[in-house]
Amino acid sequence: MDAIYPQHNAVIGFGWIKRGKEHPVQSNTGRQRLNINGAINVQSLGAEVRFDETIDAAFTIALFK
């Protein structure tokens, strides 16, 4: 079981840019939060997935049900 929060904009880790030079990276403005909570059902080996407004104890219990 795990919850994920996909990122909307790029995260710059590395690139081929000369030192001392600036290179702007375009990004979107604003974002809508996407919360995905899922688990593997060990009996059926299927994925149980929920898309909820937030991931907290109540929504995690709902996933187990």
PDB file of N, CA and C in Angstrom:
ATOM      1  N   MET A   1       0.841  -1.172   0.000  1.00  0.00           N
ATOM      2  CA  MET A   1       0.000   0.000   0.000  1.00  0.00           C
ATOM      3  C   MET A   1       0.882   1.230   0.000  1.00  0.00           C
ATOM      4  N   ASP A   2       0.468   2.237  -0.752  1.00  0.00           N
ATOM      5  CA  ASP A   2       1.222   3.481  -0.786  1.00  0.00           C
ATOM      6  C   ASP A   2       0.333   4.574  -1.366  1.00  0.00           C
ATOM      7  N   ALA A   3       0.670   5.791  -1.013  1.00  0.00           N
ATOM      8  CA  ALA A   3      -0.025   6.957  -1.568  1.00  0.00           C
ATOM      9  C   ALA A   3       0.976   7.741  -2.410  1.00  0.00           C
ATOM     10  N   ILE A   4       0.514   8.319  -3.503  1.00  0.00           N
ATOM     11  CA  ILE A   4       1.391   9.135  -4.340  1.00  0.00           C
ATOM     12  C   ILE A   4       0.726  10.465  -4.639  1.00  0.00           C
ATOM     13  N   TYR A   5       1.546  11.440  -4.930  1.00  0.00           N
ATOM     14  CA  TYR A   5       1.105  12.790  -5.266  1.00  0.00           C
ATOM     15  C   TYR A   5       1.898  13.216  -6.500  1.00  0.00           C
ATOM     16  N   PRO A   6       1.410  12.895  -7.703  1.00  0.00           N
ATOM     17  CA  PRO A   6       2.172  13.234  -8.916  1.00  0.00           C
ATOM     18  C   PRO A   6       2.473  14.730  -8.998  1.00  0.00           C
ATOM     19  N   GLN A   7       3.668  15.048  -9.484  1.00  0.00           N
ATOM     20  CA  GLN A   7       4.060  16.451  -9.596  1.00  0.00           C
ATOM     21  C   GLN A   7       3.561  17.033 -10.901  1.00  0.00           C
ATOM     22  N   HIS A   8       3.184  18.280 -10.819  1.00  0.00           N
ATOM     23  CA  HIS A   8       2.612  18.968 -11.971  1.00  0.00           C
ATOM     24  C   HIS A   8       3.699  19.647 -12.803  1.00  0.00           C
ATOM     25  N   ASN A   9       4.693  20.207 -12.163  1.00  0.00           N
ATOM     26  CA  ASN A   9       5.752  20.938 -12.853  1.00  0.00           C
ATOM     27  C   ASN A   9       7.064  20.164 -12.818  1.00  0.00           C
ATOM     28  N   ALA A  10       7.936  20.511 -13.706  1.00  0.00           N
ATOM     29  CA  ALA A  10       9.228  19.841 -13.795  1.00  0.00           C
ATOM     30  C   ALA A  10      10.087  20.126 -12.560  1.00  0.00           C
ATOM     31  N   VAL A  11      10.899  19.124 -12.198  1.00  0.00           N
ATOM     32  CA  VAL A  11      11.886  19.291 -11.142  1.00  0.00           C
ATOM     33  C   VAL A  11      13.252  19.177 -11.817  1.00  0.00           C
ATOM     34  N   ILE A  12      14.039  20.230 -11.736  1.00  0.00           N
ATOM     35  CA  ILE A  12      15.326  20.250 -12.410  1.00  0.00           C
ATOM     36  C   ILE A  12      16.360  19.535 -11.553  1.00  0.00           C
ATOM     37  N   GLY A  13      16.909  18.447 -12.066  1.00  0.00           N
ATOM     38  CA  GLY A  13      17.933  17.697 -11.340  1.00  0.00           C
ATOM     39  C   GLY A  13      19.317  17.946 -11.908  1.00  0.00           C
ATOM     40  N   PHE A  14      19.421  18.009 -13.223  1.00  0.00           N
ATOM     41  CA  PHE A  14      20.694  18.241 -13.885  1.00  0.00           C
ATOM     42  C   PHE A  14      20.429  18.652 -15.327  1.00  0.00           C
ATOM     43  N   GLY A  15      21.440  19.118 -16.006  1.00  0.00           N
ATOM     44  CA  GLY A  15      21.293  19.508 -17.402  1.00  0.00           C
ATOM     45  C   GLY A  15      22.620  19.944 -17.989  1.00  0.00           C
ATOM     46  N   TRP A  16      22.681  20.064 -19.297  1.00  0.00           N
ATOM     47  CA  TRP A  16      23.889  20.493 -19.990  1.00  0.00           C
ATOM     48  C   TRP A  16      23.848  22.008 -20.157  1.00  0.00           C
ATOM     49  N   ILE A  17      24.180  22.702 -19.082  1.00  0.00           N
ATOM     50  CA  ILE A  17      24.182  24.160 -19.078  1.00  0.00           C
ATOM     51  C   ILE A  17      25.544  24.616 -18.569  1.00  0.00           C
ATOM     52  N   LYS A  18      26.194  25.558 -19.289  1.00  0.00           N
ATOM     53  CA  LYS A  18      27.494  26.054 -18.844  1.00  0.00           C
ATOM     54  C   LYS A  18      27.381  26.708 -17.486  1.00  0.00           C
ATOM     55  N   ARG A  19      28.386  26.504 -16.668  1.00  0.00           N
ATOM     56  CA  ARG A  19      28.399  27.150 -15.352  1.00  0.00           C
ATOM     57  C   ARG A  19      28.369  28.651 -15.514  1.00  0.00           C
ATOM     58  N   GLY A  20      27.614  29.292 -14.616  1.00  0.00           N
ATOM     59  CA  GLY A  20      27.510  30.745 -14.660  1.00  0.00           C
ATOM     60  C   GLY A  20      26.433  31.251 -15.600  1.00  0.00           C
ATOM     61  N   LYS A  21      25.862  30.381 -16.398  1.00  0.00           N
ATOM     62  CA  LYS A  21      24.782  30.764 -17.315  1.00  0.00           C
ATOM     63  C   LYS A  21      23.437  30.426 -16.679  1.00  0.00           C
ATOM     64  N   GLU A  22      22.434  31.229 -16.974  1.00  0.00           N
ATOM     65  CA  GLU A  22      21.085  30.945 -16.510  1.00  0.00           C
ATOM     66  C   GLU A  22      20.263  30.403 -17.663  1.00  0.00           C
ATOM     67  N   HIS A  23      19.444  29.427 -17.375  1.00  0.00           N
ATOM     68  CA  HIS A  23      18.581  28.825 -18.389  1.00  0.00           C
ATOM     69  C   HIS A  23      17.182  28.683 -17.797  1.00  0.00           C
ATOM     70  N   PRO A  24      16.243  29.552 -18.190  1.00  0.00           N
ATOM     71  CA  PRO A  24      14.895  29.468 -17.617  1.00  0.00           C
ATOM     72  C   PRO A  24      14.177  28.202 -18.077  1.00  0.00           C
ATOM     73  N   VAL A  25      13.380  27.648 -17.195  1.00  0.00           N
ATOM     74  CA  VAL A  25      12.577  26.463 -17.497  1.00  0.00           C
ATOM     75  C   VAL A  25      11.120  26.867 -17.394  1.00  0.00           C
ATOM     76  N   GLN A  26      10.383  26.677 -18.478  1.00  0.00           N
ATOM     77  CA  GLN A  26       8.965  27.045 -18.472  1.00  0.00           C
ATOM     78  C   GLN A  26       8.183  26.075 -17.598  1.00  0.00           C
ATOM     79  N   SER A  27       7.202  26.610 -16.912  1.00  0.00           N
ATOM     80  CA  SER A  27       6.336  25.773 -16.087  1.00  0.00           C
ATOM     81  C   SER A  27       4.907  26.295 -16.167  1.00  0.00           C
ATOM     82  N   ASN A  28       3.987  25.458 -15.761  1.00  0.00           N
ATOM     83  CA  ASN A  28       2.580  25.850 -15.739  1.00  0.00           C
ATOM     84  C   ASN A  28       2.305  26.688 -14.504  1.00  0.00           C
ATOM     85  N   THR A  29       1.267  27.468 -14.559  1.00  0.00           N
ATOM     86  CA  THR A  29       0.884  28.240 -13.385  1.00  0.00           C
ATOM     87  C   THR A  29      -0.171  27.476 -12.618  1.00  0.00           C
ATOM     88  N   GLY A  30      -0.019  27.429 -11.324  1.00  0.00           N
ATOM     89  CA  GLY A  30      -0.997  26.765 -10.466  1.00  0.00           C
ATOM     90  C   GLY A  30      -1.103  25.284 -10.744  1.00  0.00           C
ATOM     91  N   ARG A  31      -1.837  24.594  -9.903  1.00  0.00           N
ATOM     92  CA  ARG A  31      -2.076  23.176 -10.144  1.00  0.00           C
ATOM     93  C   ARG A  31      -3.230  22.690  -9.299  1.00  0.00           C
ATOM     94  N   GLN A  32      -3.853  21.652  -9.739  1.00  0.00           N
ATOM     95  CA  GLN A  32      -4.896  20.974  -8.985  1.00  0.00           C
ATOM     96  C   GLN A  32      -4.234  19.760  -8.342  1.00  0.00           C
ATOM     97  N   ARG A  33      -4.379  19.609  -7.042  1.00  0.00           N
ATOM     98  CA  ARG A  33      -3.744  18.504  -6.341  1.00  0.00           C
ATOM     99  C   ARG A  33      -4.428  17.194  -6.708  1.00  0.00           C
ATOM    100  N   LEU A  34      -3.627  16.181  -6.968  1.00  0.00           N
ATOM    101  CA  LEU A  34      -4.126  14.858  -7.302  1.00  0.00           C
ATOM    102  C   LEU A  34      -3.578  13.891  -6.257  1.00  0.00           C
ATOM    103  N   ASN A  35      -4.459  13.236  -5.515  1.00  0.00           N
ATOM    104  CA  ASN A  35      -4.068  12.299  -4.469  1.00  0.00           C
ATOM    105  C   ASN A  35      -4.516  10.900  -4.866  1.00  0.00           C
ATOM    106  N   ILE A  36      -3.566   9.999  -4.997  1.00  0.00           N
ATOM    107  CA  ILE A  36      -3.866   8.624  -5.384  1.00  0.00           C
ATOM    108  C   ILE A  36      -3.394   7.711  -4.261  1.00  0.00           C
ATOM    109  N   ASN A  37      -4.309   6.893  -3.756  1.00  0.00           N
ATOM    110  CA  ASN A  37      -3.988   5.942  -2.694  1.00  0.00           C
ATOM    111  C   ASN A  37      -4.311   4.560  -3.223  1.00  0.00           C
ATOM    112  N   GLY A  38      -3.398   3.614  -3.107  1.00  0.00           N
ATOM    113  CA  GLY A  38      -3.645   2.301  -3.672  1.00  0.00           C
ATOM    114  C   GLY A  38      -2.975   1.191  -2.899  1.00  0.00           C
ATOM    115  N   ALA A  39      -3.442  -0.017  -3.152  1.00  0.00           N
ATOM    116  CA  ALA A  39      -2.903  -1.213  -2.523  1.00  0.00           C
ATOM    117  C   ALA A  39      -3.126  -2.398  -3.454  1.00  0.00           C
ATOM    118  N   ILE A  40      -2.360  -3.454  -3.242  1.00  0.00           N
ATOM    119  CA  ILE A  40      -2.541  -4.697  -3.984  1.00  0.00           C
ATOM    120  C   ILE A  40      -3.411  -5.625  -3.142  1.00  0.00           C
ATOM    121  N   ASN A  41      -4.470  -6.140  -3.739  1.00  0.00           N
ATOM    122  CA  ASN A  41      -5.314  -7.126  -3.076  1.00  0.00           C
ATOM    123  C   ASN A  41      -4.615  -8.477  -3.210  1.00  0.00           C
ATOM    124  N   VAL A  42      -4.128  -9.037  -2.096  1.00  0.00           N
ATOM    125  CA  VAL A  42      -3.338 -10.268  -2.168  1.00  0.00           C
ATOM    126  C   VAL A  42      -4.184 -11.481  -2.535  1.00  0.00           C
ATOM    127  N   GLN A  43      -5.496 -11.407  -2.371  1.00  0.00           N
ATOM    128  CA  GLN A  43      -6.346 -12.542  -2.750  1.00  0.00           C
ATOM    129  C   GLN A  43      -6.565 -12.596  -4.259  1.00  0.00           C
ATOM    130  N   SER A  44      -6.854 -11.430  -4.854  1.00  0.00           N
ATOM    131  CA  SER A  44      -7.133 -11.407  -6.298  1.00  0.00           C
ATOM    132  C   SER A  44      -5.936 -10.937  -7.117  1.00  0.00           C
ATOM    133  N   LEU A  45      -4.904 -10.412  -6.440  1.00  0.00           N
ATOM    134  CA  LEU A  45      -3.718  -9.816  -7.081  1.00  0.00           C
ATOM    135  C   LEU A  45      -4.087  -8.627  -7.965  1.00  0.00           C
ATOM    136  N   GLY A  46      -5.231  -8.032  -7.677  1.00  0.00           N
ATOM    137  CA  GLY A  46      -5.660  -6.839  -8.406  1.00  0.00           C
ATOM    138  C   GLY A  46      -5.303  -5.589  -7.625  1.00  0.00           C
ATOM    139  N   ALA A  47      -5.289  -4.476  -8.321  1.00  0.00           N
ATOM    140  CA  ALA A  47      -4.989  -3.191  -7.688  1.00  0.00           C
ATOM    141  C   ALA A  47      -6.276  -2.547  -7.180  1.00  0.00           C
ATOM    142  N   GLU A  48      -6.241  -2.087  -5.962  1.00  0.00           N
ATOM    143  CA  GLU A  48      -7.339  -1.308  -5.385  1.00  0.00           C
ATOM    144  C   GLU A  48      -6.847   0.135  -5.336  1.00  0.00           C
ATOM    145  N   VAL A  49      -7.494   1.034  -6.067  1.00  0.00           N
ATOM    146  CA  VAL A  49      -7.021   2.407  -6.197  1.00  0.00           C
ATOM    147  C   VAL A  49      -8.159   3.371  -5.883  1.00  0.00           C
ATOM    148  N   ARG A  50      -7.820   4.433  -5.143  1.00  0.00           N
ATOM    149  CA  ARG A  50      -8.787   5.489  -4.828  1.00  0.00           C
ATOM    150  C   ARG A  50      -8.179   6.837  -5.178  1.00  0.00           C
ATOM    151  N   PHE A  51      -8.992   7.721  -5.709  1.00  0.00           N
ATOM    152  CA  PHE A  51      -8.618   9.105  -5.964  1.00  0.00           C
ATOM    153  C   PHE A  51      -9.456   9.946  -5.004  1.00  0.00           C
ATOM    154  N   ASP A  52      -8.827  10.504  -3.978  1.00  0.00           N
ATOM    155  CA  ASP A  52      -9.553  11.241  -2.951  1.00  0.00           C
ATOM    156  C   ASP A  52      -9.064  12.680  -2.864  1.00  0.00           C
ATOM    157  N   GLU A  53      -9.857  13.516  -2.182  1.00  0.00           N
ATOM    158  CA  GLU A  53      -9.508  14.933  -2.031  1.00  0.00           C
ATOM    159  C   GLU A  53      -8.276  15.132  -1.151  1.00  0.00           C
ATOM    160  N   THR A  54      -8.027  14.197  -0.259  1.00  0.00           N
ATOM    161  CA  THR A  54      -6.841  14.222   0.587  1.00  0.00           C
ATOM    162  C   THR A  54      -6.533  12.789   0.987  1.00  0.00           C
ATOM    163  N   ILE A  55      -5.365  12.559   1.530  1.00  0.00           N
ATOM    164  CA  ILE A  55      -5.036  11.226   2.023  1.00  0.00           C
ATOM    165  C   ILE A  55      -4.769  11.357   3.510  1.00  0.00           C
ATOM    166  N   ASP A  56      -5.721  10.847   4.292  1.00  0.00           N
ATOM    167  CA  ASP A  56      -5.584  10.878   5.744  1.00  0.00           C
ATOM    168  C   ASP A  56      -6.106   9.548   6.286  1.00  0.00           C
ATOM    169  N   ALA A  57      -6.243   9.449   7.599  1.00  0.00           N
ATOM    170  CA  ALA A  57      -6.652   8.194   8.218  1.00  0.00           C
ATOM    171  C   ALA A  57      -8.017   7.727   7.707  1.00  0.00           C
ATOM    172  N   ALA A  58      -8.979   8.629   7.588  1.00  0.00           N
ATOM    173  CA  ALA A  58     -10.328   8.251   7.164  1.00  0.00           C
ATOM    174  C   ALA A  58     -10.333   7.668   5.749  1.00  0.00           C
ATOM    175  N   PHE A  59      -9.597   8.288   4.834  1.00  0.00           N
ATOM    176  CA  PHE A  59      -9.570   7.792   3.455  1.00  0.00           C
ATOM    177  C   PHE A  59      -8.728   6.514   3.342  1.00  0.00           C
ATOM    178  N   THR A  60      -7.741   6.346   4.204  1.00  0.00           N
ATOM    179  CA  THR A  60      -6.959   5.113   4.211  1.00  0.00           C
ATOM    180  C   THR A  60      -7.825   3.948   4.707  1.00  0.00           C
ATOM    181  N   ILE A  61      -8.634   4.189   5.735  1.00  0.00           N
ATOM    182  CA  ILE A  61      -9.555   3.157   6.209  1.00  0.00           C
ATOM    183  C   ILE A  61     -10.557   2.816   5.116  1.00  0.00           C
ATOM    184  N   ALA A  62     -11.038   3.810   4.392  1.00  0.00           N
ATOM    185  CA  ALA A  62     -11.973   3.562   3.278  1.00  0.00           C
ATOM    186  C   ALA A  62     -11.322   2.686   2.215  1.00  0.00           C
ATOM    187  N   LEU A  63     -10.026   2.851   1.981  1.00  0.00           N
ATOM    188  CA  LEU A  63      -9.310   2.017   1.010  1.00  0.00           C
ATOM    189  C   LEU A  63      -9.295   0.570   1.489  1.00  0.00           C
ATOM    190  N   PHE A  64      -9.067   0.343   2.766  1.00  0.00           N
ATOM    191  CA  PHE A  64      -9.048  -1.010   3.291  1.00  0.00           C
ATOM    192  C   PHE A  64     -10.411  -1.687   3.172  1.00  0.00           C
ATOM    193  N   LYS A  65     -11.486  -0.924   3.308  1.00  0.00           N
ATOM    194  CA  LYS A  65     -12.835  -1.501   3.207  1.00  0.00           C
ATOM    195  C   LYS A  65     -13.136  -1.898   1.780  1.00  0.00           C
TER     196      LYS A  65
END
